[in-house]
């Protein structure tokens, strides 16, 4: 066979193979079209037209370029139905709630009010305790010392204690006996003499009348003790009310006796 004949035979074989390939592609396309809906090409062909084929159709059209092969991308003609795809919403988490700001403001006001009230209460309590605390001069006057050796028997001295007069009486034996022999049933404020003294010879009473607060005079009255000139109350040598409007005996302050020294308060 000549060289020209070989070229012709090779070209014929190539044409046969190409035709056979197209036939097989057409058969596969027709089989797919029998079960598939109409599919349209999303991209235009080289001629500017979409390539399409119809299900059940025996004819398939292709637009090809003799020198350039382009891949065709197909899209289904069915559109997604409503509700087939749900995107989660985060609106409930991202939106600002009106109650949150008002609640935060309420908490802030409550905290601030509590702090202010606590500070005010602390200041008030501190001021109250400071005012209630005794100053140095008051503490110095809280206790008063008396030298008993300077008070003769039968005499009474007046001592100032906490701004009030205090009577310190050095009683005689006769006065002690008279005070001890009184019938308690006859007294407006019954109290025996022994319960009003630490030592029989020393009587210590606050020098204020229990009626209206006057200061009685010493060694006077019907019972030899004290007499209140304001309304006529009479006290005996034990400081007990015997006659007049005073309802109670004269007050006994706290005191101690150590040897010749008496400490009042």
Protein backbone atom coordinates (compact mmCIF):
# COMPACT_ATOMS: atom_id res chain seq x y z
CA UNK A 1 0.00 0.00 0.00
CA UNK A 2 1.28 3.41 -0.93
CA UNK A 3 1.95 6.19 1.61
CA UNK A 4 -1.16 8.10 0.46
CA UNK A 5 -3.33 5.07 1.00
CA UNK A 6 -2.07 4.63 4.56
CA UNK A 7 -3.00 8.23 5.43
CA UNK A 8 -6.50 7.76 4.02
CA UNK A 9 -7.02 4.52 5.95
CA UNK A 10 -5.85 6.16 9.22
CA UNK A 11 -8.22 9.10 8.75
CA UNK A 12 -11.12 6.73 8.10
CA UNK A 13 -10.38 4.80 11.28
CA UNK A 14 -10.24 8.03 13.33
CA UNK A 15 -13.56 9.17 11.90
CA UNK A 16 -15.14 5.81 12.75
CA UNK A 17 -13.90 5.96 16.35
CA UNK A 18 -15.17 9.55 16.77
CA UNK A 19 -18.58 8.63 15.35
CA UNK A 20 -18.80 5.59 17.62
CA UNK A 21 -17.94 7.77 20.66
CA UNK A 22 -20.66 10.26 19.77
CA UNK A 23 -23.18 7.46 19.37
CA UNK A 24 -22.37 6.05 22.79
CA UNK A 25 -22.59 9.51 24.37
CA UNK A 26 -25.97 10.02 22.73
CA UNK A 27 -27.25 6.70 24.07
CA UNK A 28 -26.15 7.58 27.62
CA UNK A 29 -27.66 11.05 27.37
CA UNK A 30 -31.00 9.66 26.16
CA UNK A 31 -31.02 7.12 29.03
CA UNK A 32 -30.36 9.87 31.57
CA UNK A 33 -32.98 12.10 29.98
CA UNK A 34 -35.62 9.43 30.46
CA UNK A 35 -35.37 9.78 34.26
CA UNK A 36 -34.21 13.37 34.68
CA UNK A 37 -36.10 16.70 34.37
CA UNK A 38 -35.22 19.39 31.91
CA UNK A 39 -31.79 20.76 32.72
CA UNK A 40 -30.60 24.03 31.33
CA UNK A 41 -27.03 25.07 31.10
CA UNK A 42 -26.11 27.90 33.37
CA UNK A 43 -23.25 28.97 31.16
CA UNK A 44 -23.62 29.91 27.49
CA UNK A 45 -21.95 27.84 24.81
CA UNK A 46 -19.25 29.07 22.52
CA UNK A 47 -21.98 30.41 20.22
CA UNK A 48 -23.64 32.39 23.04
CA UNK A 49 -26.62 29.91 23.35
CA UNK A 50 -27.44 27.45 26.10
CA UNK A 51 -27.18 23.77 25.30
CA UNK A 52 -30.28 21.82 26.40
CA UNK A 53 -31.87 18.43 26.10
CA UNK A 54 -35.33 17.24 27.11
CA UNK A 55 -36.16 14.09 29.07
CA UNK A 56 -37.63 11.44 26.78
CA UNK A 57 -36.39 13.17 23.64
CA UNK A 58 -34.45 11.09 21.18
CA UNK A 59 -32.64 14.05 19.80
CA UNK A 60 -29.69 15.59 21.68
CA UNK A 61 -28.09 18.81 20.55
CA UNK A 62 -24.50 19.64 21.36
CA UNK A 63 -22.61 22.77 20.56
CA UNK A 64 -18.96 22.01 20.43
CA UNK A 65 -15.93 23.77 19.29
CA UNK A 66 -13.62 21.83 17.02
CA UNK A 67 -10.57 23.05 18.89
CA UNK A 68 -11.68 24.09 22.49
CA UNK A 69 -13.42 21.85 25.05
CA UNK A 70 -15.47 23.63 27.73
CA UNK A 71 -16.90 21.97 30.83
CA UNK A 72 -20.63 22.60 31.17
CA UNK A 73 -22.09 23.09 34.69
CA UNK A 74 -25.74 22.21 35.02
CA UNK A 75 -28.36 23.37 37.53
CA UNK A 76 -31.58 21.60 38.41
CA UNK A 77 -34.80 23.28 37.32
CA UNK A 78 -36.42 22.48 40.66
CA UNK A 79 -36.38 25.35 43.18
CA UNK A 80 -36.07 24.63 46.91
CA UNK A 81 -39.44 24.71 48.55
CA UNK A 82 -40.22 27.13 51.40
CA UNK A 83 -39.16 25.83 54.78
CA UNK A 84 -36.78 23.24 53.38
CA UNK A 85 -33.84 25.16 54.78
CA UNK A 86 -34.04 26.97 58.15
CA UNK A 87 -31.38 29.41 59.28
CA UNK A 88 -31.22 29.76 63.13
CA UNK A 89 -32.05 33.18 64.53
CA UNK A 90 -30.04 34.72 67.36
CA UNK A 91 -32.24 37.78 67.71
CA UNK A 92 -33.39 36.78 71.20
CA UNK A 93 -29.78 36.72 72.38
CA UNK A 94 -28.49 39.81 70.64
CA UNK A 95 -31.33 42.27 71.10
CA UNK A 96 -31.21 44.56 74.14
CA UNK A 97 -34.02 44.01 76.57
CA UNK A 98 -35.65 47.06 78.05
CA UNK A 99 -35.92 45.44 81.47
CA UNK A 100 -32.20 44.81 81.78
CA UNK A 101 -31.21 48.48 81.96
CA UNK A 102 -33.97 49.35 84.42
CA UNK A 103 -33.10 46.38 86.62
CA UNK A 104 -29.43 47.36 86.65
CA UNK A 105 -30.37 50.94 87.57
CA UNK A 106 -32.57 49.65 90.40
CA UNK A 107 -29.74 47.53 91.79
CA UNK A 108 -27.35 50.46 91.56
CA UNK A 109 -29.73 52.77 93.43
CA UNK A 110 -30.34 50.16 96.13
CA UNK A 111 -26.61 49.65 96.62
CA UNK A 112 -25.91 53.38 96.74
CA UNK A 113 -28.77 53.99 99.19
CA UNK A 114 -27.54 51.19 101.44
CA UNK A 115 -24.03 52.61 101.47
CA UNK A 116 -25.30 56.10 102.34
CA UNK A 117 -27.56 54.81 105.11
CA UNK A 118 -24.77 52.67 106.56
CA UNK A 119 -22.39 55.62 106.62
CA UNK A 120 -25.02 57.85 108.23
CA UNK A 121 -25.83 55.24 110.87
CA UNK A 122 -22.14 54.77 111.65
CA UNK A 123 -21.64 58.51 112.04
CA UNK A 124 -24.70 58.81 114.28
CA UNK A 125 -23.63 55.94 116.52
CA UNK A 126 -20.08 57.28 116.72
CA UNK A 127 -21.33 60.75 117.62
CA UNK A 128 -23.72 59.35 120.20
CA UNK A 129 -21.03 57.26 121.88
CA UNK A 130 -18.62 60.19 121.80
CA UNK A 131 -21.14 62.45 123.51
CA UNK A 132 -22.01 59.78 126.03
CA UNK A 133 -18.39 59.16 126.95
CA UNK A 134 -17.33 61.06 130.02
CA UNK A 135 -14.71 63.74 129.54
CA UNK A 136 -11.57 63.98 131.64
CA UNK A 137 -12.96 66.56 134.03
CA UNK A 138 -16.14 64.54 134.52
CA UNK A 139 -14.11 61.44 135.29
CA UNK A 140 -12.07 63.43 137.77
CA UNK A 141 -15.26 64.52 139.50
CA UNK A 142 -16.72 61.00 139.44
CA UNK A 143 -14.82 60.13 142.58
CA UNK A 144 -14.31 62.36 145.58
CA UNK A 145 -11.99 61.61 148.48
CA UNK A 146 -12.68 62.79 152.01
CA UNK A 147 -10.24 62.87 154.92
CA UNK A 148 -12.33 61.61 157.84
CA UNK A 149 -9.77 62.71 160.42
CA UNK A 150 -10.75 66.32 159.79
CA UNK A 151 -14.41 65.80 160.78
CA UNK A 152 -15.04 66.00 164.57
CA UNK A 153 -17.62 63.81 166.29
CA UNK A 154 -21.11 65.29 166.05
CA UNK A 155 -20.26 67.47 163.04
CA UNK A 156 -21.43 67.35 159.42
CA UNK A 157 -19.51 68.49 156.34
CA UNK A 158 -20.83 69.09 152.85
CA UNK A 159 -18.84 67.66 149.94
CA UNK A 160 -19.49 68.44 146.28
CA UNK A 161 -19.71 65.27 144.20
CA UNK A 162 -20.81 65.20 140.54
CA UNK A 163 -22.31 68.64 140.96
CA UNK A 164 -24.45 67.59 143.92
CA UNK A 165 -24.00 68.21 147.66
CA UNK A 166 -23.15 65.19 149.80
CA UNK A 167 -23.54 65.28 153.60
CA UNK A 168 -20.92 63.35 155.61
CA UNK A 169 -21.98 63.20 159.28
CA UNK A 170 -19.79 61.96 162.13
CA UNK A 171 -22.49 60.69 164.47
CA UNK A 172 -22.31 60.48 168.24
CA UNK A 173 -23.15 57.30 170.10
CA UNK A 174 -26.41 58.84 171.27
CA UNK A 175 -27.42 59.58 167.66
CA UNK A 176 -26.55 56.02 166.67
CA UNK A 177 -28.73 54.62 169.45
CA UNK A 178 -31.66 56.89 168.58
CA UNK A 179 -31.53 55.93 164.89
CA UNK A 180 -31.40 52.23 165.74
CA UNK A 181 -34.35 52.32 168.14
CA UNK A 182 -36.93 53.80 165.74
CA UNK A 183 -40.06 51.74 165.07
CA UNK A 184 -39.91 51.00 161.35
CA UNK A 185 -43.70 50.81 161.07
CA UNK A 186 -43.90 54.50 161.86
CA UNK A 187 -41.70 55.48 158.93
CA UNK A 188 -43.13 56.65 155.55
CA UNK A 189 -40.24 54.82 153.84
CA UNK A 190 -39.34 51.97 156.25
CA UNK A 191 -35.63 51.24 156.37
CA UNK A 192 -33.46 50.27 159.34
CA UNK A 193 -30.38 52.30 160.22
CA UNK A 194 -27.89 49.42 159.82
CA UNK A 195 -28.75 49.03 156.11
CA UNK A 196 -27.95 52.71 155.46
CA UNK A 197 -24.40 52.82 156.88
CA UNK A 198 -21.15 50.89 156.47
CA UNK A 199 -19.80 52.06 159.81
CA UNK A 200 -22.28 53.20 162.50
CA UNK A 201 -20.46 56.46 163.21
CA UNK A 202 -20.37 57.60 159.59
CA UNK A 203 -23.51 58.57 157.67
CA UNK A 204 -23.20 59.61 154.01
CA UNK A 205 -26.29 60.94 152.15
CA UNK A 206 -26.94 63.01 149.00
CA UNK A 207 -28.02 66.43 150.31
CA UNK A 208 -31.15 66.79 148.15
CA UNK A 209 -34.73 66.64 149.37
CA UNK A 210 -36.66 63.81 147.71
CA UNK A 211 -39.73 66.02 147.34
CA UNK A 212 -38.76 68.68 144.78
CA UNK A 213 -34.95 68.73 144.92
CA UNK A 214 -34.28 71.45 147.46
CA UNK A 215 -31.20 71.32 149.69
CA UNK A 216 -32.16 70.73 153.36
CA UNK A 217 -30.44 72.53 156.21
CA UNK A 218 -28.14 70.51 158.49
CA UNK A 219 -28.74 69.75 162.20
CA UNK A 220 -32.27 71.09 162.15
CA UNK A 221 -35.87 69.90 162.11
CA UNK A 222 -37.93 68.01 164.66
CA UNK A 223 -35.68 64.92 164.56
CA UNK A 224 -32.22 66.48 164.76
CA UNK A 225 -31.17 65.58 161.24
CA UNK A 226 -32.16 67.82 158.29
CA UNK A 227 -35.01 70.12 157.47
CA UNK A 228 -36.16 71.25 154.01
CA UNK A 229 -37.38 74.85 154.17
CA UNK A 230 -39.11 74.62 150.79
CA UNK A 231 -42.10 72.50 151.91
CA UNK A 232 -41.30 71.44 155.45
CA UNK A 233 -39.89 67.90 155.17
CA UNK A 234 -38.11 66.55 158.31
CA UNK A 235 -35.32 63.94 158.22
CA UNK A 236 -33.70 62.14 161.18
CA UNK A 237 -29.98 61.46 161.83
CA UNK A 238 -30.18 58.45 159.52
CA UNK A 239 -31.48 60.59 156.63
CA UNK A 240 -34.94 59.00 156.74
CA UNK A 241 -38.09 61.02 156.09
CA UNK A 242 -40.12 61.38 159.28
CA UNK A 243 -42.57 64.16 158.48
CA UNK A 244 -43.57 66.34 155.52
CA UNK A 245 -44.35 65.83 151.82
CA UNK A 246 -41.11 64.07 150.84
CA UNK A 247 -41.99 60.49 149.80
CA UNK A 248 -38.58 58.80 150.19
CA UNK A 249 -35.52 58.73 152.39
CA UNK A 250 -32.43 60.68 151.34
CA UNK A 251 -30.27 58.84 148.81
CA UNK A 252 -27.12 56.93 149.84
CA UNK A 253 -24.28 57.26 147.29
CA UNK A 254 -21.67 54.61 146.59
CA UNK A 255 -18.65 55.03 148.84
CA UNK A 256 -15.83 53.11 150.48
CA UNK A 257 -13.91 53.68 153.72
CA UNK A 258 -10.28 52.69 154.11
CA UNK A 259 -8.81 53.77 157.41
CA UNK A 260 -9.19 57.56 157.60
CA UNK A 261 -10.01 57.99 153.90
CA UNK A 262 -13.47 57.87 152.40
CA UNK A 263 -13.92 57.66 148.60
CA UNK A 264 -17.30 58.68 147.27
CA UNK A 265 -18.27 57.33 143.83
